[in-house]
Full PDB file with SEQRES, HELIX, SHEET, SSBOND, CRYST1, ORIGX, SCALE, CONECT and MASTER records, all heavy atoms in Angstrom:
SEQRES   1 A   31  SER ASN ASP ARG ARG VAL ILE GLY PHE ASN ASN ILE GLU          
SEQRES   2 A   31  LEU ILE THR ASP ARG PRO LEU GLN THR ASN LEU ASP GLU          
SEQRES   3 A   31  ILE ARG GLN ILE LYS                                          
HELIX    1 AA1 LEU A   20  ILE A   30  1                                  11    
CRYST1    1.000    1.000    1.000  90.00  90.00  90.00 P 1           1          
ORIGX1      1.000000  0.000000  0.000000        0.00000                         
ORIGX2      0.000000  1.000000  0.000000        0.00000                         
ORIGX3      0.000000  0.000000  1.000000        0.00000                         
SCALE1      1.000000  0.000000  0.000000        0.00000                         
SCALE2      0.000000  1.000000  0.000000        0.00000                         
SCALE3      0.000000  0.000000  1.000000        0.00000                         
ATOM      1  N   SER A   1      -1.808  20.687   9.415  1.00  0.00           N  
ATOM      2  CA  SER A   1      -1.469  22.064   9.732  1.00  0.00           C  
ATOM      3  C   SER A   1      -2.746  22.810  10.083  1.00  0.00           C  
ATOM      4  O   SER A   1      -3.855  22.268   9.976  1.00  0.00           O  
ATOM      5  CB  SER A   1      -0.764  22.728   8.547  1.00  0.00           C  
ATOM      6  OG  SER A   1      -1.653  22.824   7.436  1.00  0.00           O  
ATOM      7  N   ASN A   2      -2.612  24.059  10.491  1.00  0.00           N  
ATOM      8  CA  ASN A   2      -3.795  24.831  10.864  1.00  0.00           C  
ATOM      9  C   ASN A   2      -4.767  25.045   9.707  1.00  0.00           C  
ATOM     10  O   ASN A   2      -5.948  25.294   9.927  1.00  0.00           O  
ATOM     11  CB  ASN A   2      -3.378  26.182  11.446  1.00  0.00           C  
ATOM     12  CG  ASN A   2      -2.716  26.049  12.800  1.00  0.00           C  
ATOM     13  OD1 ASN A   2      -2.936  25.079  13.520  1.00  0.00           O  
ATOM     14  ND2 ASN A   2      -1.870  27.011  13.169  1.00  0.00           N  
ATOM     15  N   ASP A   3      -4.250  24.948   8.466  1.00  0.00           N  
ATOM     16  CA  ASP A   3      -5.136  25.106   7.311  1.00  0.00           C  
ATOM     17  C   ASP A   3      -5.594  23.758   6.741  1.00  0.00           C  
ATOM     18  O   ASP A   3      -6.018  23.691   5.594  1.00  0.00           O  
ATOM     19  CB  ASP A   3      -4.464  25.952   6.223  1.00  0.00           C  
ATOM     20  CG  ASP A   3      -3.173  25.332   5.691  1.00  0.00           C  
ATOM     21  OD1 ASP A   3      -2.743  24.280   6.227  1.00  0.00           O  
ATOM     22  OD2 ASP A   3      -2.566  25.897   4.748  1.00  0.00           O  
ATOM     23  N   ARG A   4      -5.476  22.688   7.551  1.00  0.00           N  
ATOM     24  CA  ARG A   4      -5.930  21.345   7.208  1.00  0.00           C  
ATOM     25  C   ARG A   4      -5.072  20.671   6.144  1.00  0.00           C  
ATOM     26  O   ARG A   4      -5.469  19.662   5.564  1.00  0.00           O  
ATOM     27  CB  ARG A   4      -7.390  21.338   6.755  1.00  0.00           C  
ATOM     28  CG  ARG A   4      -8.392  21.555   7.871  1.00  0.00           C  
ATOM     29  CD  ARG A   4      -8.465  20.355   8.803  1.00  0.00           C  
ATOM     30  NE  ARG A   4      -8.979  19.149   8.153  1.00  0.00           N  
ATOM     31  CZ  ARG A   4      -9.071  17.958   8.754  1.00  0.00           C  
ATOM     32  NH1 ARG A   4      -8.662  17.807  10.007  1.00  0.00           N  
ATOM     33  NH2 ARG A   4      -9.531  16.905   8.101  1.00  0.00           N  
ATOM     34  N   ARG A   5      -3.892  21.183   5.878  1.00  0.00           N  
ATOM     35  CA  ARG A   5      -2.980  20.487   4.988  1.00  0.00           C  
ATOM     36  C   ARG A   5      -2.381  19.306   5.736  1.00  0.00           C  
ATOM     37  O   ARG A   5      -1.962  19.421   6.881  1.00  0.00           O  
ATOM     38  CB  ARG A   5      -1.888  21.436   4.512  1.00  0.00           C  
ATOM     39  CG  ARG A   5      -0.920  20.827   3.508  1.00  0.00           C  
ATOM     40  CD  ARG A   5       0.022  21.887   2.972  1.00  0.00           C  
ATOM     41  NE  ARG A   5       0.838  22.478   4.010  1.00  0.00           N  
ATOM     42  CZ  ARG A   5       2.006  21.954   4.423  1.00  0.00           C  
ATOM     43  NH1 ARG A   5       2.472  20.840   3.901  1.00  0.00           N  
ATOM     44  NH2 ARG A   5       2.692  22.573   5.376  1.00  0.00           N  
ATOM     45  N   VAL A   6      -2.337  18.147   5.075  1.00  0.00           N  
ATOM     46  CA  VAL A   6      -1.787  16.951   5.701  1.00  0.00           C  
ATOM     47  C   VAL A   6      -0.266  17.042   5.737  1.00  0.00           C  
ATOM     48  O   VAL A   6       0.387  17.164   4.702  1.00  0.00           O  
ATOM     49  CB  VAL A   6      -2.222  15.682   4.951  1.00  0.00           C  
ATOM     50  CG1 VAL A   6      -1.549  14.455   5.565  1.00  0.00           C  
ATOM     51  CG2 VAL A   6      -3.732  15.520   4.991  1.00  0.00           C  
ATOM     52  N   ILE A   7       0.289  17.005   6.945  1.00  0.00           N  
ATOM     53  CA  ILE A   7       1.735  17.034   7.127  1.00  0.00           C  
ATOM     54  C   ILE A   7       2.306  15.616   7.167  1.00  0.00           C  
ATOM     55  O   ILE A   7       3.417  15.367   6.711  1.00  0.00           O  
ATOM     56  CB  ILE A   7       2.100  17.802   8.405  1.00  0.00           C  
ATOM     57  CG1 ILE A   7       1.601  19.250   8.315  1.00  0.00           C  
ATOM     58  CG2 ILE A   7       3.602  17.775   8.642  1.00  0.00           C  
ATOM     59  CD1 ILE A   7       1.770  20.027   9.600  1.00  0.00           C  
ATOM     60  N   GLY A   8       1.523  14.703   7.711  1.00  0.00           N  
ATOM     61  CA  GLY A   8       2.002  13.328   7.795  1.00  0.00           C  
ATOM     62  C   GLY A   8       0.895  12.378   8.181  1.00  0.00           C  
ATOM     63  O   GLY A   8      -0.168  12.777   8.658  1.00  0.00           O  
ATOM     64  N   PHE A   9       1.140  11.106   7.951  1.00  0.00           N  
ATOM     65  CA  PHE A   9       0.228  10.042   8.334  1.00  0.00           C  
ATOM     66  C   PHE A   9       0.868   9.167   9.404  1.00  0.00           C  
ATOM     67  O   PHE A   9       2.084   8.969   9.417  1.00  0.00           O  
ATOM     68  CB  PHE A   9      -0.100   9.131   7.145  1.00  0.00           C  
ATOM     69  CG  PHE A   9      -1.049   9.716   6.142  1.00  0.00           C  
ATOM     70  CD1 PHE A   9      -0.727   9.711   4.797  1.00  0.00           C  
ATOM     71  CD2 PHE A   9      -2.264  10.246   6.527  1.00  0.00           C  
ATOM     72  CE1 PHE A   9      -1.591  10.237   3.853  1.00  0.00           C  
ATOM     73  CE2 PHE A   9      -3.138  10.777   5.588  1.00  0.00           C  
ATOM     74  CZ  PHE A   9      -2.798  10.765   4.258  1.00  0.00           C  
ATOM     75  N   ASN A  10       0.043   8.674  10.279  1.00  0.00           N  
ATOM     76  CA  ASN A  10       0.394   7.557  11.143  1.00  0.00           C  
ATOM     77  C   ASN A  10      -0.431   6.378  10.651  1.00  0.00           C  
ATOM     78  O   ASN A  10      -1.655   6.453  10.586  1.00  0.00           O  
ATOM     79  CB  ASN A  10       0.075   7.878  12.600  1.00  0.00           C  
ATOM     80  CG  ASN A  10       0.376   6.722  13.524  1.00  0.00           C  
ATOM     81  OD1 ASN A  10       1.510   6.410  13.802  1.00  0.00           O  
ATOM     82  ND2 ASN A  10      -0.664   6.098  14.025  1.00  0.00           N  
ATOM     83  N   ASN A  11       0.217   5.274  10.271  1.00  0.00           N  
ATOM     84  CA  ASN A  11      -0.548   4.168   9.720  1.00  0.00           C  
ATOM     85  C   ASN A  11      -0.278   2.876  10.481  1.00  0.00           C  
ATOM     86  O   ASN A  11       0.828   2.658  10.998  1.00  0.00           O  
ATOM     87  CB  ASN A  11      -0.248   3.995   8.228  1.00  0.00           C  
ATOM     88  CG  ASN A  11       0.945   3.102   7.956  1.00  0.00           C  
ATOM     89  OD1 ASN A  11       0.820   1.866   7.886  1.00  0.00           O  
ATOM     90  ND2 ASN A  11       2.114   3.714   7.807  1.00  0.00           N  
ATOM     91  N   ILE A  12      -1.290   2.026  10.545  1.00  0.00           N  
ATOM     92  CA  ILE A  12      -1.164   0.714  11.175  1.00  0.00           C  
ATOM     93  C   ILE A  12      -1.420  -0.402  10.166  1.00  0.00           C  
ATOM     94  O   ILE A  12      -1.670  -1.548  10.559  1.00  0.00           O  
ATOM     95  CB  ILE A  12      -2.089   0.568  12.394  1.00  0.00           C  
ATOM     96  CG1 ILE A  12      -3.566   0.699  11.990  1.00  0.00           C  
ATOM     97  CG2 ILE A  12      -1.734   1.596  13.470  1.00  0.00           C  
ATOM     98  CD1 ILE A  12      -4.532   0.243  13.081  1.00  0.00           C  
ATOM     99  N   GLU A  13      -1.379  -0.070   8.872  1.00  0.00           N  
ATOM    100  CA  GLU A  13      -1.554  -1.104   7.864  1.00  0.00           C  
ATOM    101  C   GLU A  13      -0.334  -2.019   7.846  1.00  0.00           C  
ATOM    102  O   GLU A  13       0.815  -1.582   7.941  1.00  0.00           O  
ATOM    103  CB  GLU A  13      -1.783  -0.482   6.490  1.00  0.00           C  
ATOM    104  CG  GLU A  13      -2.007  -1.507   5.390  1.00  0.00           C  
ATOM    105  CD  GLU A  13      -2.705  -0.937   4.185  1.00  0.00           C  
ATOM    106  OE1 GLU A  13      -3.651  -0.152   4.350  1.00  0.00           O  
ATOM    107  OE2 GLU A  13      -2.304  -1.287   3.067  1.00  0.00           O  
ATOM    108  N   LEU A  14      -0.576  -3.309   7.696  1.00  0.00           N  
ATOM    109  CA  LEU A  14       0.496  -4.294   7.659  1.00  0.00           C  
ATOM    110  C   LEU A  14       0.889  -4.582   6.213  1.00  0.00           C  
ATOM    111  O   LEU A  14       0.504  -3.892   5.286  1.00  0.00           O  
ATOM    112  CB  LEU A  14       0.051  -5.575   8.373  1.00  0.00           C  
ATOM    113  CG  LEU A  14      -0.461  -5.403   9.805  1.00  0.00           C  
ATOM    114  CD1 LEU A  14      -0.746  -6.759  10.430  1.00  0.00           C  
ATOM    115  CD2 LEU A  14       0.518  -4.612  10.659  1.00  0.00           C  
ATOM    116  N   ILE A  15       1.675  -5.612   6.022  1.00  0.00           N  
ATOM    117  CA  ILE A  15       2.093  -6.011   4.681  1.00  0.00           C  
ATOM    118  C   ILE A  15       0.884  -6.511   3.909  1.00  0.00           C  
ATOM    119  O   ILE A  15      -0.242  -6.539   4.419  1.00  0.00           O  
ATOM    120  CB  ILE A  15       3.216  -7.057   4.738  1.00  0.00           C  
ATOM    121  CG1 ILE A  15       2.710  -8.372   5.330  1.00  0.00           C  
ATOM    122  CG2 ILE A  15       4.385  -6.514   5.559  1.00  0.00           C  
ATOM    123  CD1 ILE A  15       3.754  -9.494   5.321  1.00  0.00           C  
ATOM    124  N   THR A  16       1.067  -6.909   2.654  1.00  0.00           N  
ATOM    125  CA  THR A  16      -0.060  -7.265   1.800  1.00  0.00           C  
ATOM    126  C   THR A  16      -0.930  -8.339   2.435  1.00  0.00           C  
ATOM    127  O   THR A  16      -0.435  -9.296   3.044  1.00  0.00           O  
ATOM    128  CB  THR A  16       0.417  -7.744   0.418  1.00  0.00           C  
ATOM    129  OG1 THR A  16      -0.725  -8.013  -0.417  1.00  0.00           O  
ATOM    130  CG2 THR A  16       1.272  -9.002   0.545  1.00  0.00           C  
ATOM    131  N   ASP A  17      -2.234  -8.156   2.313  1.00  0.00           N  
ATOM    132  CA  ASP A  17      -3.174  -9.174   2.762  1.00  0.00           C  
ATOM    133  C   ASP A  17      -3.820  -9.897   1.584  1.00  0.00           C  
ATOM    134  O   ASP A  17      -4.842 -10.573   1.746  1.00  0.00           O  
ATOM    135  CB  ASP A  17      -4.238  -8.580   3.686  1.00  0.00           C  
ATOM    136  CG  ASP A  17      -4.952  -7.360   3.090  1.00  0.00           C  
ATOM    137  OD1 ASP A  17      -4.795  -7.101   1.871  1.00  0.00           O  
ATOM    138  OD2 ASP A  17      -5.643  -6.653   3.846  1.00  0.00           O  
ATOM    139  N   ARG A  18      -3.202  -9.769   0.421  1.00  0.00           N  
ATOM    140  CA  ARG A  18      -3.647 -10.483  -0.773  1.00  0.00           C  
ATOM    141  C   ARG A  18      -2.860 -11.791  -0.918  1.00  0.00           C  
ATOM    142  O   ARG A  18      -1.694 -11.874  -0.492  1.00  0.00           O  
ATOM    143  CB  ARG A  18      -3.453  -9.620  -2.022  1.00  0.00           C  
ATOM    144  CG  ARG A  18      -4.138  -8.266  -1.921  1.00  0.00           C  
ATOM    145  CD  ARG A  18      -3.663  -7.328  -3.004  1.00  0.00           C  
ATOM    146  NE  ARG A  18      -4.164  -7.705  -4.306  1.00  0.00           N  
ATOM    147  CZ  ARG A  18      -3.422  -7.817  -5.410  1.00  0.00           C  
ATOM    148  NH1 ARG A  18      -2.120  -7.612  -5.335  1.00  0.00           N  
ATOM    149  NH2 ARG A  18      -3.965  -8.139  -6.547  1.00  0.00           N  
ATOM    150  N   PRO A  19      -3.443 -12.826  -1.505  1.00  0.00           N  
ATOM    151  CA  PRO A  19      -2.732 -14.094  -1.672  1.00  0.00           C  
ATOM    152  C   PRO A  19      -1.411 -13.924  -2.411  1.00  0.00           C  
ATOM    153  O   PRO A  19      -1.313 -13.114  -3.349  1.00  0.00           O  
ATOM    154  CB  PRO A  19      -3.717 -14.939  -2.487  1.00  0.00           C  
ATOM    155  CG  PRO A  19      -5.061 -14.350  -2.185  1.00  0.00           C  
ATOM    156  CD  PRO A  19      -4.835 -12.888  -2.006  1.00  0.00           C  
ATOM    157  N   LEU A  20      -0.414 -14.663  -2.003  1.00  0.00           N  
ATOM    158  CA  LEU A  20       0.914 -14.531  -2.599  1.00  0.00           C  
ATOM    159  C   LEU A  20       0.875 -14.773  -4.106  1.00  0.00           C  
ATOM    160  O   LEU A  20       1.480 -14.011  -4.871  1.00  0.00           O  
ATOM    161  CB  LEU A  20       1.879 -15.515  -1.932  1.00  0.00           C  
ATOM    162  CG  LEU A  20       3.301 -15.535  -2.516  1.00  0.00           C  
ATOM    163  CD1 LEU A  20       3.994 -14.189  -2.307  1.00  0.00           C  
ATOM    164  CD2 LEU A  20       4.116 -16.667  -1.899  1.00  0.00           C  
ATOM    165  N   GLN A  21       0.189 -15.796  -4.552  1.00  0.00           N  
ATOM    166  CA  GLN A  21       0.181 -16.112  -5.965  1.00  0.00           C  
ATOM    167  C   GLN A  21      -0.445 -14.998  -6.791  1.00  0.00           C  
ATOM    168  O   GLN A  21      -0.003 -14.706  -7.908  1.00  0.00           O  
ATOM    169  CB  GLN A  21      -0.557 -17.436  -6.230  1.00  0.00           C  
ATOM    170  CG  GLN A  21      -0.338 -17.984  -7.646  1.00  0.00           C  
ATOM    171  CD  GLN A  21       1.132 -18.232  -7.931  1.00  0.00           C  
ATOM    172  OE1 GLN A  21       1.835 -18.894  -7.167  1.00  0.00           O  
ATOM    173  NE2 GLN A  21       1.636 -17.680  -9.041  1.00  0.00           N  
ATOM    174  N   THR A  22      -1.467 -14.361  -6.249  1.00  0.00           N  
ATOM    175  CA  THR A  22      -2.076 -13.224  -6.942  1.00  0.00           C  
ATOM    176  C   THR A  22      -1.048 -12.122  -7.162  1.00  0.00           C  
ATOM    177  O   THR A  22      -0.938 -11.559  -8.254  1.00  0.00           O  
ATOM    178  CB  THR A  22      -3.274 -12.689  -6.137  1.00  0.00           C  
ATOM    179  OG1 THR A  22      -4.254 -13.716  -5.995  1.00  0.00           O  
ATOM    180  CG2 THR A  22      -3.897 -11.490  -6.842  1.00  0.00           C  
ATOM    181  N   ASN A  23      -0.289 -11.814  -6.119  1.00  0.00           N  
ATOM    182  CA  ASN A  23       0.756 -10.802  -6.246  1.00  0.00           C  
ATOM    183  C   ASN A  23       1.812 -11.218  -7.267  1.00  0.00           C  
ATOM    184  O   ASN A  23       2.225 -10.423  -8.113  1.00  0.00           O  
ATOM    185  CB  ASN A  23       1.413 -10.558  -4.892  1.00  0.00           C  
ATOM    186  CG  ASN A  23       0.631  -9.594  -4.016  1.00  0.00           C  
ATOM    187  OD1 ASN A  23       0.482  -8.413  -4.333  1.00  0.00           O  
ATOM    188  ND2 ASN A  23       0.137 -10.098  -2.896  1.00  0.00           N  
ATOM    189  N   LEU A  24       2.265 -12.468  -7.204  1.00  0.00           N  
ATOM    190  CA  LEU A  24       3.310 -12.932  -8.110  1.00  0.00           C  
ATOM    191  C   LEU A  24       2.854 -12.854  -9.560  1.00  0.00           C  
ATOM    192  O   LEU A  24       3.612 -12.437 -10.451  1.00  0.00           O  
ATOM    193  CB  LEU A  24       3.718 -14.358  -7.755  1.00  0.00           C  
ATOM    194  CG  LEU A  24       4.376 -14.560  -6.385  1.00  0.00           C  
ATOM    195  CD1 LEU A  24       4.668 -16.041  -6.137  1.00  0.00           C  
ATOM    196  CD2 LEU A  24       5.650 -13.742  -6.256  1.00  0.00           C  
ATOM    197  N   ASP A  25       1.616 -13.264  -9.816  1.00  0.00           N  
ATOM    198  CA  ASP A  25       1.086 -13.215 -11.190  1.00  0.00           C  
ATOM    199  C   ASP A  25       1.028 -11.774 -11.698  1.00  0.00           C  
ATOM    200  O   ASP A  25       1.367 -11.499 -12.857  1.00  0.00           O  
ATOM    201  CB  ASP A  25      -0.309 -13.841 -11.240  1.00  0.00           C  
ATOM    202  CG  ASP A  25      -0.290 -15.347 -11.009  1.00  0.00           C  
ATOM    203  OD1 ASP A  25       0.791 -15.962 -11.123  1.00  0.00           O  
ATOM    204  OD2 ASP A  25      -1.364 -15.909 -10.683  1.00  0.00           O  
ATOM    205  N   GLU A  26       0.602 -10.871 -10.844  1.00  0.00           N  
ATOM    206  CA  GLU A  26       0.479  -9.479 -11.266  1.00  0.00           C  
ATOM    207  C   GLU A  26       1.851  -8.840 -11.475  1.00  0.00           C  
ATOM    208  O   GLU A  26       2.040  -8.046 -12.409  1.00  0.00           O  
ATOM    209  CB  GLU A  26      -0.333  -8.695 -10.232  1.00  0.00           C  
ATOM    210  CG  GLU A  26      -1.802  -9.082 -10.209  1.00  0.00           C  
ATOM    211  CD  GLU A  26      -2.631  -8.204  -9.285  1.00  0.00           C  
ATOM    212  OE1 GLU A  26      -2.057  -7.264  -8.677  1.00  0.00           O  
ATOM    213  OE2 GLU A  26      -3.859  -8.443  -9.176  1.00  0.00           O  
ATOM    214  N   ILE A  27       2.814  -9.151 -10.624  1.00  0.00           N  
ATOM    215  CA  ILE A  27       4.170  -8.623 -10.797  1.00  0.00           C  
ATOM    216  C   ILE A  27       4.748  -9.089 -12.127  1.00  0.00           C  
ATOM    217  O   ILE A  27       5.345  -8.311 -12.875  1.00  0.00           O  
ATOM    218  CB  ILE A  27       5.074  -9.056  -9.621  1.00  0.00           C  
ATOM    219  CG1 ILE A  27       4.604  -8.403  -8.321  1.00  0.00           C  
ATOM    220  CG2 ILE A  27       6.536  -8.696  -9.901  1.00  0.00           C  
ATOM    221  CD1 ILE A  27       5.225  -9.010  -7.080  1.00  0.00           C  
ATOM    222  N   ARG A  28       4.567 -10.365 -12.419  1.00  0.00           N  
ATOM    223  CA  ARG A  28       5.078 -10.914 -13.680  1.00  0.00           C  
ATOM    224  C   ARG A  28       4.468 -10.179 -14.876  1.00  0.00           C  
ATOM    225  O   ARG A  28       5.186  -9.808 -15.824  1.00  0.00           O  
ATOM    226  CB  ARG A  28       4.752 -12.408 -13.754  1.00  0.00           C  
ATOM    227  CG  ARG A  28       5.320 -13.101 -15.005  1.00  0.00           C  
ATOM    228  CD  ARG A  28       5.048 -14.591 -14.981  1.00  0.00           C  
ATOM    229  NE  ARG A  28       5.857 -15.269 -13.972  1.00  0.00           N  
ATOM    230  CZ  ARG A  28       5.397 -15.730 -12.827  1.00  0.00           C  
ATOM    231  NH1 ARG A  28       4.097 -15.607 -12.539  1.00  0.00           N  
ATOM    232  NH2 ARG A  28       6.194 -16.320 -11.952  1.00  0.00           N  
ATOM    233  N   GLN A  29       3.167  -9.934 -14.839  1.00  0.00           N  
ATOM    234  CA  GLN A  29       2.505  -9.263 -15.956  1.00  0.00           C  
ATOM    235  C   GLN A  29       2.943  -7.800 -16.064  1.00  0.00           C  
ATOM    236  O   GLN A  29       3.170  -7.293 -17.175  1.00  0.00           O  
ATOM    237  CB  GLN A  29       0.983  -9.343 -15.793  1.00  0.00           C  
ATOM    238  CG  GLN A  29       0.205  -8.860 -17.021  1.00  0.00           C  
ATOM    239  CD  GLN A  29       0.514  -9.685 -18.247  1.00  0.00           C  
ATOM    240  OE1 GLN A  29       0.448 -10.919 -18.234  1.00  0.00           O  
ATOM    241  NE2 GLN A  29       0.874  -9.016 -19.346  1.00  0.00           N  
ATOM    242  N   ILE A  30       3.062  -7.117 -14.928  1.00  0.00           N  
ATOM    243  CA  ILE A  30       3.493  -5.720 -14.932  1.00  0.00           C  
ATOM    244  C   ILE A  30       4.868  -5.592 -15.557  1.00  0.00           C  
ATOM    245  O   ILE A  30       5.130  -4.688 -16.367  1.00  0.00           O  
ATOM    246  CB  ILE A  30       3.475  -5.144 -13.501  1.00  0.00           C  
ATOM    247  CG1 ILE A  30       2.050  -4.842 -13.058  1.00  0.00           C  
ATOM    248  CG2 ILE A  30       4.344  -3.883 -13.417  1.00  0.00           C  
ATOM    249  CD1 ILE A  30       1.421  -3.645 -13.711  1.00  0.00           C  
ATOM    250  N   LYS A  31       5.770  -6.466 -15.199  1.00  0.00           N  
ATOM    251  CA  LYS A  31       7.131  -6.385 -15.735  1.00  0.00           C  
ATOM    252  C   LYS A  31       7.143  -6.650 -17.242  1.00  0.00           C  
ATOM    253  O   LYS A  31       7.932  -6.047 -17.979  1.00  0.00           O  
ATOM    254  CB  LYS A  31       8.048  -7.356 -14.998  1.00  0.00           C  
ATOM    255  CG  LYS A  31       9.533  -7.114 -15.288  1.00  0.00           C  
ATOM    256  CD  LYS A  31       9.960  -5.700 -14.907  1.00  0.00           C  
ATOM    257  CE  LYS A  31      11.310  -5.341 -15.523  1.00  0.00           C  
ATOM    258  NZ  LYS A  31      11.688  -3.932 -15.305  1.00  0.00           N  
TER     259      LYS A  31                                                      
MASTER        0    0    0    1    0    0    0    6  258    1    0    3          
END                                                                             
């Protein structure tokens, strides 16, 4: 906005770039 408030983002980030097993281990622990 004119006062520099963020109204929205445009992003080009893709899905996770971390190893699958790392994600699975962390999900299991979080739950």
